[in-house]
Amino acid sequence: MEGKKTVLCGANAYEMKYYFNERFQAVPDSVKDELHIICVLFTEEVGGVFTVAFEEDGNVVLETDANDDDIYYDEVSSGLMVAEIRRSRQELFEALRLYYKVFILKEDVSGYLGEA
């Protein structure tokens, strides 16, 4: 059984729309801008729907999907692009995971931050 996920943002190539979850308005504008660029560029390049979401434990997941009749969507390219985004934006996604743990889950993350 798959756990619940909370969508942070996403883009839809079919409707040519971008979505950002209002629950996360406290995220810095520079991070919002970067997420916007990532999502829109993904759907421009690969098509379909691309979302960035949080799992219940705060892990960040990148998901892509397409309509069954979309002959232009390439699953192999989408998988490669997701892997490249995850690799090149690793610090961004780690910071978002920490943000979620602190501000949404209200966890004590002092152990993650090391000795000051």
N, C-alpha and C. Protein backbone atom coordinates (compact mmCIF):
# COMPACT_ATOMS: atom_id res chain seq x y z
N MET A 1 0.84 -1.18 0.00
CA MET A 1 0.00 0.00 0.00
C MET A 1 0.89 1.25 0.00
N GLU A 2 0.57 2.16 -0.86
CA GLU A 2 1.36 3.37 -1.00
C GLU A 2 0.88 4.41 0.01
N GLY A 3 1.86 5.09 0.67
CA GLY A 3 1.51 6.11 1.65
C GLY A 3 1.03 7.38 0.99
N LYS A 4 0.46 8.24 1.80
CA LYS A 4 -0.03 9.52 1.29
C LYS A 4 1.14 10.42 0.91
N LYS A 5 0.93 11.21 -0.11
CA LYS A 5 1.91 12.19 -0.54
C LYS A 5 1.25 13.55 -0.58
N THR A 6 2.06 14.58 -0.33
CA THR A 6 1.59 15.95 -0.43
C THR A 6 2.34 16.62 -1.57
N VAL A 7 1.60 17.04 -2.58
CA VAL A 7 2.22 17.68 -3.74
C VAL A 7 2.71 19.06 -3.35
N LEU A 8 3.97 19.33 -3.67
CA LEU A 8 4.56 20.65 -3.47
C LEU A 8 4.30 21.52 -4.69
N CYS A 9 4.59 20.97 -5.87
CA CYS A 9 4.38 21.72 -7.10
C CYS A 9 4.35 20.76 -8.27
N GLY A 10 3.95 21.28 -9.41
CA GLY A 10 3.92 20.44 -10.60
C GLY A 10 3.56 21.24 -11.83
N ALA A 11 3.79 20.63 -12.97
CA ALA A 11 3.45 21.24 -14.25
C ALA A 11 2.74 20.21 -15.10
N ASN A 12 1.84 20.70 -15.94
CA ASN A 12 1.03 19.84 -16.79
C ASN A 12 1.17 20.33 -18.23
N ALA A 13 1.78 19.52 -19.09
CA ALA A 13 1.99 19.90 -20.49
C ALA A 13 0.68 19.95 -21.27
N TYR A 14 -0.31 19.17 -20.85
CA TYR A 14 -1.58 19.12 -21.59
C TYR A 14 -2.39 20.39 -21.39
N GLU A 15 -2.36 20.93 -20.18
CA GLU A 15 -3.11 22.14 -19.87
C GLU A 15 -2.22 23.39 -19.87
N MET A 16 -0.90 23.16 -20.05
CA MET A 16 0.09 24.24 -20.04
C MET A 16 -0.07 25.09 -18.77
N LYS A 17 -0.06 24.38 -17.62
CA LYS A 17 -0.25 25.05 -16.33
C LYS A 17 0.82 24.59 -15.35
N TYR A 18 1.12 25.50 -14.41
CA TYR A 18 2.02 25.22 -13.30
C TYR A 18 1.24 25.41 -12.01
N TYR A 19 1.50 24.55 -11.03
CA TYR A 19 0.81 24.60 -9.74
C TYR A 19 1.83 24.63 -8.62
N PHE A 20 1.60 25.50 -7.63
CA PHE A 20 2.40 25.49 -6.41
C PHE A 20 1.44 25.45 -5.23
N ASN A 21 1.63 24.49 -4.33
CA ASN A 21 0.75 24.30 -3.19
C ASN A 21 0.86 25.48 -2.21
N GLU A 22 -0.24 26.15 -1.99
CA GLU A 22 -0.29 27.33 -1.11
C GLU A 22 0.14 27.03 0.32
N ARG A 23 0.08 25.77 0.71
CA ARG A 23 0.49 25.38 2.07
C ARG A 23 1.97 25.68 2.31
N PHE A 24 2.73 25.80 1.23
CA PHE A 24 4.17 25.98 1.33
C PHE A 24 4.62 27.39 0.92
N GLN A 25 3.78 28.37 1.15
CA GLN A 25 4.11 29.75 0.78
C GLN A 25 5.34 30.28 1.50
N ALA A 26 5.69 29.71 2.64
CA ALA A 26 6.86 30.17 3.40
C ALA A 26 8.18 29.76 2.75
N VAL A 27 8.13 28.88 1.77
CA VAL A 27 9.35 28.48 1.05
C VAL A 27 9.90 29.75 0.38
N PRO A 28 11.21 29.98 0.47
CA PRO A 28 11.79 31.19 -0.14
C PRO A 28 11.48 31.31 -1.63
N ASP A 29 11.30 32.55 -2.08
CA ASP A 29 10.95 32.80 -3.49
C ASP A 29 11.99 32.22 -4.45
N SER A 30 13.26 32.26 -4.08
CA SER A 30 14.29 31.72 -4.97
C SER A 30 14.10 30.21 -5.17
N VAL A 31 13.67 29.50 -4.13
CA VAL A 31 13.41 28.07 -4.24
C VAL A 31 12.16 27.84 -5.07
N LYS A 32 11.12 28.65 -4.84
CA LYS A 32 9.90 28.54 -5.65
C LYS A 32 10.21 28.74 -7.12
N ASP A 33 11.04 29.74 -7.42
CA ASP A 33 11.42 30.01 -8.81
C ASP A 33 12.16 28.83 -9.43
N GLU A 34 13.08 28.26 -8.66
CA GLU A 34 13.85 27.12 -9.17
C GLU A 34 12.93 25.91 -9.43
N LEU A 35 12.01 25.66 -8.52
CA LEU A 35 11.05 24.57 -8.71
C LEU A 35 10.18 24.81 -9.93
N HIS A 36 9.75 26.05 -10.11
CA HIS A 36 8.93 26.41 -11.27
C HIS A 36 9.69 26.10 -12.57
N ILE A 37 10.94 26.51 -12.62
CA ILE A 37 11.76 26.26 -13.81
C ILE A 37 11.94 24.77 -14.05
N ILE A 38 12.25 24.01 -13.00
CA ILE A 38 12.45 22.57 -13.13
C ILE A 38 11.19 21.91 -13.71
N CYS A 39 10.04 22.22 -13.13
CA CYS A 39 8.78 21.58 -13.55
C CYS A 39 8.41 21.93 -14.99
N VAL A 40 8.48 23.22 -15.31
CA VAL A 40 8.08 23.65 -16.65
C VAL A 40 9.05 23.13 -17.71
N LEU A 41 10.35 23.20 -17.45
CA LEU A 41 11.31 22.68 -18.42
C LEU A 41 11.12 21.18 -18.63
N PHE A 42 10.81 20.46 -17.56
CA PHE A 42 10.59 19.02 -17.70
C PHE A 42 9.43 18.76 -18.66
N THR A 43 8.30 19.42 -18.43
CA THR A 43 7.13 19.15 -19.28
C THR A 43 7.32 19.69 -20.70
N GLU A 44 8.11 20.73 -20.86
CA GLU A 44 8.42 21.22 -22.21
C GLU A 44 9.27 20.20 -22.96
N GLU A 45 10.21 19.59 -22.27
CA GLU A 45 11.14 18.65 -22.88
C GLU A 45 10.51 17.27 -23.11
N VAL A 46 9.81 16.75 -22.10
CA VAL A 46 9.34 15.37 -22.13
C VAL A 46 7.83 15.28 -22.34
N GLY A 47 7.09 16.29 -21.87
CA GLY A 47 5.63 16.25 -21.95
C GLY A 47 5.03 15.66 -20.70
N GLY A 48 3.77 15.37 -20.75
CA GLY A 48 3.07 14.75 -19.64
C GLY A 48 2.88 15.67 -18.44
N VAL A 49 2.85 15.07 -17.29
CA VAL A 49 2.66 15.78 -16.01
C VAL A 49 3.85 15.45 -15.12
N PHE A 50 4.40 16.47 -14.49
CA PHE A 50 5.55 16.29 -13.61
C PHE A 50 5.23 16.93 -12.27
N THR A 51 5.44 16.19 -11.18
CA THR A 51 5.18 16.73 -9.85
C THR A 51 6.35 16.47 -8.91
N VAL A 52 6.49 17.40 -7.98
CA VAL A 52 7.43 17.27 -6.87
C VAL A 52 6.55 17.16 -5.63
N ALA A 53 6.73 16.10 -4.85
CA ALA A 53 5.87 15.86 -3.70
C ALA A 53 6.69 15.40 -2.51
N PHE A 54 6.05 15.49 -1.35
CA PHE A 54 6.64 14.98 -0.11
C PHE A 54 5.92 13.70 0.28
N GLU A 55 6.70 12.67 0.66
CA GLU A 55 6.12 11.50 1.27
C GLU A 55 5.81 11.86 2.72
N GLU A 56 5.09 10.99 3.42
CA GLU A 56 4.71 11.26 4.80
C GLU A 56 5.89 11.54 5.71
N ASP A 57 7.05 10.91 5.44
CA ASP A 57 8.23 11.10 6.28
C ASP A 57 9.08 12.30 5.87
N GLY A 58 8.66 13.02 4.82
CA GLY A 58 9.39 14.20 4.39
C GLY A 58 10.29 13.99 3.19
N ASN A 59 10.48 12.75 2.77
CA ASN A 59 11.31 12.51 1.58
C ASN A 59 10.66 13.16 0.37
N VAL A 60 11.48 13.71 -0.50
CA VAL A 60 11.00 14.37 -1.71
C VAL A 60 10.98 13.35 -2.84
N VAL A 61 9.86 13.29 -3.54
CA VAL A 61 9.73 12.39 -4.69
C VAL A 61 9.41 13.20 -5.94
N LEU A 62 9.99 12.75 -7.04
CA LEU A 62 9.73 13.36 -8.34
C LEU A 62 8.94 12.34 -9.14
N GLU A 63 7.78 12.76 -9.63
CA GLU A 63 6.92 11.82 -10.34
C GLU A 63 6.51 12.39 -11.69
N THR A 64 6.38 11.50 -12.64
CA THR A 64 5.95 11.89 -13.97
C THR A 64 4.91 10.90 -14.46
N ASP A 65 3.99 11.41 -15.24
CA ASP A 65 2.91 10.59 -15.76
C ASP A 65 2.47 11.17 -17.09
N ALA A 66 1.80 10.37 -17.88
CA ALA A 66 1.31 10.83 -19.16
C ALA A 66 -0.02 10.16 -19.48
N ASN A 67 -0.79 10.80 -20.32
CA ASN A 67 -2.03 10.19 -20.80
C ASN A 67 -1.69 8.95 -21.61
N ASP A 68 -2.55 7.95 -21.54
CA ASP A 68 -2.31 6.70 -22.26
C ASP A 68 -2.17 6.91 -23.77
N ASP A 69 -2.87 7.89 -24.30
CA ASP A 69 -2.85 8.12 -25.75
C ASP A 69 -1.80 9.14 -26.20
N ASP A 70 -0.90 9.52 -25.30
CA ASP A 70 0.14 10.50 -25.64
C ASP A 70 1.29 9.80 -26.35
N ILE A 71 1.32 9.89 -27.66
CA ILE A 71 2.36 9.19 -28.43
C ILE A 71 3.69 9.91 -28.40
N TYR A 72 3.72 11.16 -27.94
CA TYR A 72 4.96 11.93 -27.89
C TYR A 72 5.73 11.75 -26.59
N TYR A 73 5.07 11.26 -25.56
CA TYR A 73 5.72 11.07 -24.25
C TYR A 73 6.65 9.87 -24.32
N ASP A 74 7.87 10.04 -23.86
CA ASP A 74 8.88 8.99 -23.90
C ASP A 74 9.26 8.62 -22.45
N GLU A 75 8.86 7.42 -22.03
CA GLU A 75 9.12 7.00 -20.65
C GLU A 75 10.60 6.88 -20.35
N VAL A 76 11.39 6.44 -21.31
CA VAL A 76 12.83 6.30 -21.09
C VAL A 76 13.45 7.68 -20.87
N SER A 77 13.12 8.63 -21.73
CA SER A 77 13.64 10.00 -21.58
C SER A 77 13.19 10.62 -20.27
N SER A 78 11.93 10.37 -19.90
CA SER A 78 11.44 10.95 -18.65
C SER A 78 12.19 10.38 -17.46
N GLY A 79 12.47 9.08 -17.46
CA GLY A 79 13.22 8.47 -16.38
C GLY A 79 14.64 9.01 -16.28
N LEU A 80 15.28 9.18 -17.43
CA LEU A 80 16.63 9.74 -17.45
C LEU A 80 16.64 11.18 -16.95
N MET A 81 15.63 11.95 -17.35
CA MET A 81 15.57 13.35 -16.94
C MET A 81 15.29 13.47 -15.43
N VAL A 82 14.43 12.61 -14.90
CA VAL A 82 14.17 12.62 -13.46
C VAL A 82 15.45 12.31 -12.71
N ALA A 83 16.20 11.32 -13.17
CA ALA A 83 17.47 10.96 -12.52
C ALA A 83 18.46 12.12 -12.58
N GLU A 84 18.53 12.81 -13.69
CA GLU A 84 19.43 13.95 -13.84
C GLU A 84 19.02 15.11 -12.92
N ILE A 85 17.72 15.38 -12.84
CA ILE A 85 17.23 16.45 -11.95
C ILE A 85 17.56 16.10 -10.50
N ARG A 86 17.29 14.86 -10.12
CA ARG A 86 17.56 14.44 -8.73
C ARG A 86 19.06 14.57 -8.42
N ARG A 87 19.93 14.20 -9.36
CA ARG A 87 21.37 14.29 -9.14
C ARG A 87 21.83 15.74 -9.09
N SER A 88 21.41 16.54 -10.03
CA SER A 88 21.91 17.91 -10.12
C SER A 88 21.30 18.85 -9.08
N ARG A 89 20.16 18.49 -8.55
CA ARG A 89 19.48 19.34 -7.57
C ARG A 89 19.40 18.68 -6.21
N GLN A 90 20.34 17.79 -5.91
CA GLN A 90 20.33 17.02 -4.67
C GLN A 90 20.26 17.92 -3.44
N GLU A 91 21.03 19.00 -3.41
CA GLU A 91 21.04 19.90 -2.26
C GLU A 91 19.69 20.58 -2.08
N LEU A 92 19.07 20.97 -3.18
CA LEU A 92 17.75 21.59 -3.11
C LEU A 92 16.74 20.64 -2.48
N PHE A 93 16.73 19.39 -2.92
CA PHE A 93 15.76 18.43 -2.40
C PHE A 93 16.05 18.05 -0.96
N GLU A 94 17.32 18.04 -0.57
CA GLU A 94 17.66 17.78 0.83
C GLU A 94 17.18 18.94 1.71
N ALA A 95 17.34 20.16 1.23
CA ALA A 95 16.87 21.34 1.97
C ALA A 95 15.35 21.31 2.10
N LEU A 96 14.66 20.92 1.05
CA LEU A 96 13.19 20.82 1.11
C LEU A 96 12.75 19.74 2.09
N ARG A 97 13.48 18.62 2.12
CA ARG A 97 13.17 17.55 3.07
C ARG A 97 13.31 18.06 4.51
N LEU A 98 14.37 18.80 4.77
CA LEU A 98 14.60 19.36 6.09
C LEU A 98 13.51 20.38 6.43
N TYR A 99 13.16 21.22 5.47
CA TYR A 99 12.07 22.20 5.65
C TYR A 99 10.78 21.48 6.07
N TYR A 100 10.44 20.41 5.37
CA TYR A 100 9.22 19.68 5.65
C TYR A 100 9.25 19.09 7.06
N LYS A 101 10.39 18.52 7.44
CA LYS A 101 10.51 17.92 8.77
C LYS A 101 10.37 18.96 9.88
N VAL A 102 10.93 20.16 9.66
CA VAL A 102 10.88 21.21 10.68
C VAL A 102 9.53 21.89 10.73
N PHE A 103 9.03 22.36 9.60
CA PHE A 103 7.86 23.23 9.58
C PHE A 103 6.53 22.50 9.44
N ILE A 104 6.54 21.31 8.87
CA ILE A 104 5.29 20.58 8.69
C ILE A 104 5.15 19.48 9.74
N LEU A 105 6.20 18.67 9.89
CA LEU A 105 6.15 17.57 10.86
C LEU A 105 6.53 18.00 12.27
N LYS A 106 7.11 19.20 12.39
CA LYS A 106 7.53 19.76 13.69
C LYS A 106 8.52 18.85 14.42
N GLU A 107 9.42 18.24 13.65
CA GLU A 107 10.44 17.36 14.23
C GLU A 107 11.62 18.18 14.74
N ASP A 108 12.31 17.63 15.72
CA ASP A 108 13.57 18.22 16.20
C ASP A 108 14.65 17.70 15.25
N VAL A 109 15.25 18.59 14.50
CA VAL A 109 16.24 18.17 13.51
C VAL A 109 17.65 18.54 13.92
N SER A 110 17.86 18.82 15.20
CA SER A 110 19.19 19.22 15.65
C SER A 110 20.23 18.15 15.34
N GLY A 111 19.83 16.89 15.32
CA GLY A 111 20.73 15.80 14.99
C GLY A 111 21.19 15.84 13.54
N TYR A 112 20.39 16.43 12.67
CA TYR A 112 20.76 16.55 11.25
C TYR A 112 21.76 17.66 11.02
N LEU A 113 21.77 18.64 11.91
CA LEU A 113 22.55 19.84 11.68
C LEU A 113 23.97 19.73 12.21
N GLY A 114 24.26 18.74 13.02
CA GLY A 114 25.61 18.56 13.57
C GLY A 114 25.89 19.51 14.71
N GLU A 115 27.10 19.47 15.20
CA GLU A 115 27.51 20.32 16.32
C GLU A 115 27.81 21.73 15.82
N ALA A 116 27.35 22.72 16.56
CA ALA A 116 27.58 24.11 16.16
C ALA A 116 28.77 24.69 16.89
